[in-house]
Amino acid sequence: MAVKSAERVLKIFELLEENSHGLTNKEISESLGFAPSSTLGLLQTMSENGYLLADEQKRYSLGGRLLSLGAVAASRFDVSRMATPYMKELMKSLDETCFLGVLSGDEIIYIAKENCERTMATNANIGSRKPVYCTGLGKAFLAFLDKEERELILQRIDLRPYTKHTVDSFDKLREEIEGFKSLGYAVDDQEIEEGLWCIAAPIYNGYGKMIAAISISGLRERMLAKKDRLVEELLRVSQKLSQDLGYY
């Protein structure tokens, strides 16, 4: 059962998050539809305990106590640990291998793997590194990172072929990236290993920064036969995991 006063406190936090310059009691009350008298009591209590700051004009903004709480919460987030249940779920429901990777320079590091025995064997294991331009995880980073960061990565890489399907020009790679951005996911179609098809989606933290990517890999023919389901399940899980990390 929801507690009304607690809900009002949370609404105030969310409103002030969007108004970094601060708001008065009147502005907060009118924006949220709360009674000014009861709102003032909440604001004063939150301010006295360090959760809000009040300036000379009685404009309230988020306080330092929230910063320390946020730092503690952030330090306890382990994306690999948090992703494991979702990866197990994907592996079991789709009968394919699931990976989690992070960016390191111009390479992807695999930090978690849920292996499905019926899928094709790959040389991607926890701790191994792969190029960003020819892996699903890497292409997800190229597609969903900020443009400036993406361009810095592209300036450092050489498009060395791993298979006959590996992307061989920066123009083509940039065209693919734009397509992936509109789709919400990235694809590696036999670019790192023959016969392997991979789909990957971004994972964001509470600051809106992409911190990891999650993927599903398997035999190309089998993956394409259930592509729509793969896309739906992967995007659902990537969005849920991002929300668990504070992204909205």
Protein backbone atom coordinates (compact mmCIF):
# COMPACT_ATOMS: atom_id res chain seq x y z
CA MET A 1 0.00 0.00 0.00
CA ALA A 2 1.44 3.36 -1.07
CA VAL A 3 2.15 6.01 1.58
CA LYS A 4 0.96 9.40 0.29
CA SER A 5 3.60 11.50 2.03
CA ALA A 6 6.39 9.26 0.73
CA GLU A 7 4.98 9.51 -2.79
CA ARG A 8 4.94 13.31 -2.47
CA VAL A 9 8.58 13.36 -1.40
CA LEU A 10 9.54 11.29 -4.44
CA LYS A 11 7.53 13.58 -6.73
CA ILE A 12 9.37 16.58 -5.29
CA PHE A 13 12.74 14.93 -5.92
CA GLU A 14 11.78 14.16 -9.52
CA LEU A 15 10.51 17.71 -10.11
CA LEU A 16 13.67 19.32 -8.70
CA GLU A 17 15.82 16.95 -10.75
CA GLU A 18 14.33 18.62 -13.84
CA ASN A 19 14.75 22.15 -12.43
CA SER A 20 18.36 22.61 -11.40
CA HIS A 21 17.85 26.35 -10.70
CA GLY A 22 15.47 25.51 -7.87
CA LEU A 23 11.77 26.16 -7.23
CA THR A 24 9.75 27.91 -4.54
CA ASN A 25 7.13 26.24 -2.40
CA LYS A 26 4.44 27.89 -4.50
CA GLU A 27 5.96 26.68 -7.78
CA ILE A 28 6.36 23.14 -6.46
CA SER A 29 2.83 23.04 -5.06
CA GLU A 30 1.28 24.33 -8.27
CA SER A 31 3.33 22.01 -10.48
CA LEU A 32 2.41 18.91 -8.48
CA GLY A 33 -1.08 19.89 -7.37
CA PHE A 34 -0.23 19.73 -3.67
CA ALA A 35 -1.54 21.97 -0.91
CA PRO A 36 1.08 24.69 -0.21
CA SER A 37 0.88 24.26 3.56
CA SER A 38 1.59 20.52 3.59
CA THR A 39 4.22 20.91 0.84
CA LEU A 40 6.07 23.52 2.88
CA GLY A 41 6.28 21.13 5.81
CA LEU A 42 7.82 18.46 3.59
CA LEU A 43 10.28 20.91 2.06
CA GLN A 44 11.43 22.20 5.44
CA THR A 45 11.90 18.68 6.83
CA MET A 46 13.85 17.59 3.73
CA SER A 47 15.98 20.73 3.92
CA GLU A 48 16.72 20.33 7.64
CA ASN A 49 18.00 16.80 6.96
CA GLY A 50 20.22 17.80 4.07
CA TYR A 51 18.15 16.34 1.24
CA LEU A 52 17.29 19.80 -0.12
CA LEU A 53 19.00 23.19 -0.17
CA ALA A 54 17.10 26.45 0.34
CA ASP A 55 18.58 29.76 -0.82
CA GLU A 56 17.78 33.27 0.45
CA GLN A 57 14.75 33.47 -1.87
CA LYS A 58 13.43 30.19 -0.43
CA ARG A 59 14.04 28.37 -3.68
CA TYR A 60 14.59 24.69 -3.06
CA SER A 61 17.06 22.47 -4.95
CA LEU A 62 18.51 19.00 -4.43
CA GLY A 63 20.91 18.78 -1.48
CA GLY A 64 24.26 17.21 -0.75
CA ARG A 65 22.80 14.32 1.22
CA LEU A 66 21.40 12.94 -2.03
CA LEU A 67 24.84 13.17 -3.61
CA SER A 68 26.39 10.98 -0.93
CA LEU A 69 23.53 8.48 -1.12
CA GLY A 70 23.86 8.38 -4.89
CA ALA A 71 27.58 7.74 -4.66
CA VAL A 72 27.01 4.82 -2.30
CA ALA A 73 24.29 3.38 -4.54
CA ALA A 74 26.47 3.76 -7.64
CA SER A 75 29.39 2.01 -5.94
CA ARG A 76 27.17 -0.99 -5.22
CA PHE A 77 25.98 -1.42 -8.78
CA ASP A 78 27.71 -4.34 -10.47
CA VAL A 79 26.38 -4.52 -14.02
CA SER A 80 27.65 -8.06 -14.52
CA ARG A 81 25.97 -9.33 -11.36
CA MET A 82 22.76 -7.46 -12.12
CA ALA A 83 22.68 -8.73 -15.70
CA THR A 84 23.16 -12.41 -14.84
CA PRO A 85 19.48 -13.25 -14.14
CA TYR A 86 18.41 -11.54 -17.36
CA MET A 87 21.09 -13.34 -19.37
CA LYS A 88 20.03 -16.69 -17.94
CA GLU A 89 16.44 -15.87 -18.84
CA LEU A 90 17.37 -14.99 -22.43
CA MET A 91 19.54 -18.08 -22.84
CA LYS A 92 16.83 -20.43 -21.57
CA SER A 93 13.92 -18.85 -23.42
CA LEU A 94 15.72 -18.42 -26.75
CA ASP A 95 18.12 -21.40 -26.63
CA GLU A 96 21.05 -19.22 -27.68
CA THR A 97 24.20 -17.91 -26.01
CA CYS A 98 24.05 -14.52 -24.32
CA PHE A 99 26.98 -12.13 -23.77
CA LEU A 100 27.63 -8.93 -21.84
CA GLY A 101 30.46 -6.64 -22.91
CA VAL A 102 32.03 -3.31 -22.02
CA LEU A 103 34.12 -0.90 -24.04
CA SER A 104 37.89 -0.71 -23.56
CA GLY A 105 39.52 1.71 -25.97
CA ASP A 106 38.58 0.49 -29.42
CA GLU A 107 37.81 -3.05 -28.30
CA ILE A 108 35.05 -4.95 -26.54
CA ILE A 109 35.79 -6.98 -23.42
CA TYR A 110 33.40 -9.84 -22.69
CA ILE A 111 32.59 -9.68 -18.97
CA ALA A 112 29.78 -12.23 -18.71
CA LYS A 113 28.48 -15.18 -20.73
CA GLU A 114 25.55 -17.58 -20.44
CA ASN A 115 26.37 -20.45 -22.74
CA CYS A 116 23.74 -22.53 -24.52
CA GLU A 117 25.08 -25.95 -25.38
CA ARG A 118 22.99 -26.32 -28.53
CA THR A 119 24.37 -23.15 -30.15
CA MET A 120 27.52 -23.05 -32.26
CA ALA A 121 30.84 -22.81 -30.44
CA THR A 122 32.61 -19.44 -30.57
CA ASN A 123 36.00 -18.18 -29.45
CA ALA A 124 34.38 -15.41 -27.39
CA ASN A 125 34.90 -16.08 -23.70
CA ILE A 126 34.87 -14.03 -20.52
CA GLY A 127 37.90 -11.73 -20.57
CA SER A 128 38.52 -11.98 -24.29
CA ARG A 129 38.78 -8.86 -26.44
CA LYS A 130 37.25 -8.28 -29.87
CA PRO A 131 37.17 -5.30 -32.27
CA VAL A 132 34.26 -2.88 -32.07
CA TYR A 133 33.63 -2.68 -35.83
CA CYS A 134 32.79 -6.34 -36.52
CA THR A 135 31.01 -7.57 -33.37
CA GLY A 136 27.43 -7.04 -32.31
CA LEU A 137 28.47 -5.68 -28.92
CA GLY A 138 31.01 -3.34 -30.49
CA LYS A 139 28.61 -2.05 -33.12
CA ALA A 140 26.07 -1.35 -30.39
CA PHE A 141 28.61 0.93 -28.74
CA LEU A 142 29.40 2.66 -32.03
CA ALA A 143 25.70 3.21 -32.67
CA PHE A 144 24.65 4.47 -29.24
CA LEU A 145 27.66 6.31 -27.84
CA ASP A 146 27.84 10.09 -28.14
CA LYS A 147 28.96 11.18 -31.61
CA GLU A 148 32.22 12.72 -30.35
CA GLU A 149 33.26 9.55 -28.52
CA ARG A 150 32.32 7.40 -31.52
CA GLU A 151 34.41 9.49 -33.89
CA LEU A 152 37.45 9.25 -31.63
CA ILE A 153 37.14 5.46 -31.72
CA LEU A 154 36.73 5.35 -35.49
CA GLN A 155 39.90 7.41 -35.92
CA ARG A 156 41.91 4.75 -34.07
CA ILE A 157 40.76 1.55 -35.77
CA ASP A 158 41.87 -0.34 -38.87
CA LEU A 159 39.20 -2.35 -40.67
CA ARG A 160 41.04 -5.65 -40.73
CA PRO A 161 38.93 -8.46 -42.26
CA TYR A 162 38.10 -11.49 -40.12
CA THR A 163 35.76 -13.10 -42.65
CA LYS A 164 34.63 -12.26 -46.17
CA HIS A 165 31.64 -10.51 -44.57
CA THR A 166 33.62 -8.08 -42.37
CA VAL A 167 32.77 -4.43 -43.06
CA ASP A 168 35.52 -3.03 -45.30
CA SER A 169 34.92 0.72 -45.48
CA PHE A 170 34.21 3.51 -43.02
CA ASP A 171 31.44 4.85 -45.24
CA LYS A 172 29.65 1.51 -45.06
CA LEU A 173 30.27 1.26 -41.31
CA ARG A 174 28.83 4.72 -40.70
CA GLU A 175 25.81 3.85 -42.83
CA GLU A 176 25.25 0.73 -40.74
CA ILE A 177 25.60 2.71 -37.52
CA GLU A 178 22.89 5.15 -38.57
CA GLY A 179 20.60 2.24 -39.40
CA PHE A 180 21.24 0.60 -36.03
CA LYS A 181 20.45 3.86 -34.21
CA SER A 182 16.99 3.92 -35.77
CA LEU A 183 16.39 0.24 -34.99
CA GLY A 184 17.53 0.39 -31.37
CA TYR A 185 19.90 -2.57 -31.77
CA ALA A 186 23.00 -3.62 -33.73
CA VAL A 187 23.79 -6.71 -35.79
CA ASP A 188 26.93 -8.69 -36.62
CA ASP A 189 26.20 -10.88 -39.65
CA GLN A 190 29.13 -13.34 -39.86
CA GLU A 191 31.68 -10.54 -39.59
CA ILE A 192 33.78 -11.99 -36.78
CA GLU A 193 33.06 -15.71 -37.35
CA GLU A 194 31.56 -17.53 -40.33
CA GLY A 195 28.04 -18.77 -39.70
CA LEU A 196 27.56 -16.65 -36.57
CA TRP A 197 24.75 -14.06 -36.37
CA CYS A 198 24.57 -11.73 -33.39
CA ILE A 199 22.17 -9.04 -32.19
CA ALA A 200 23.12 -6.55 -29.45
CA ALA A 201 21.49 -3.70 -27.53
CA PRO A 202 22.80 -0.92 -25.26
CA ILE A 203 22.71 -0.78 -21.46
CA TYR A 204 22.54 2.67 -19.82
CA ASN A 205 23.18 3.85 -16.27
CA GLY A 206 21.33 6.45 -14.22
CA TYR A 207 23.32 9.26 -15.82
CA GLY A 208 22.14 8.31 -19.29
CA LYS A 209 25.57 6.96 -20.25
CA MET A 210 25.94 3.70 -22.14
CA ILE A 211 28.07 1.46 -19.92
CA ALA A 212 27.61 -2.00 -21.47
CA ALA A 213 25.95 -3.94 -24.24
CA ILE A 214 24.07 -7.23 -24.13
CA SER A 215 23.88 -9.66 -27.04
CA ILE A 216 22.46 -12.95 -28.26
CA SER A 217 24.52 -15.05 -30.68
CA GLY A 218 23.90 -18.23 -32.59
CA LEU A 219 23.81 -20.09 -35.88
CA ARG A 220 22.74 -17.62 -38.58
CA GLU A 221 19.92 -19.67 -40.13
CA ARG A 222 18.37 -20.48 -36.77
CA MET A 223 18.68 -16.90 -35.51
CA LEU A 224 17.08 -15.37 -38.60
CA ALA A 225 14.16 -17.79 -38.36
CA LYS A 226 13.21 -16.25 -35.00
CA LYS A 227 14.56 -12.74 -35.53
CA ASP A 228 11.40 -10.90 -34.48
CA ARG A 229 11.28 -12.74 -31.18
CA LEU A 230 15.00 -12.17 -30.60
CA VAL A 231 14.59 -8.43 -31.13
CA GLU A 232 11.58 -8.19 -28.85
CA GLU A 233 13.16 -10.15 -26.01
CA LEU A 234 16.56 -8.48 -26.23
CA LEU A 235 15.13 -4.95 -26.22
CA ARG A 236 12.82 -5.80 -23.33
CA VAL A 237 15.72 -7.09 -21.25
CA SER A 238 18.12 -4.28 -22.16
CA GLN A 239 15.52 -1.69 -21.19
CA LYS A 240 14.69 -3.43 -17.92
CA LEU A 241 18.35 -3.78 -16.96
CA SER A 242 18.96 -0.12 -17.77
CA GLN A 243 16.03 0.81 -15.52
CA ASP A 244 17.52 -1.32 -12.73
CA LEU A 245 20.69 0.77 -13.11
CA GLY A 246 18.69 3.98 -12.69
CA TYR A 247 18.04 4.92 -16.33
CA TYR A 248 14.62 6.37 -17.22
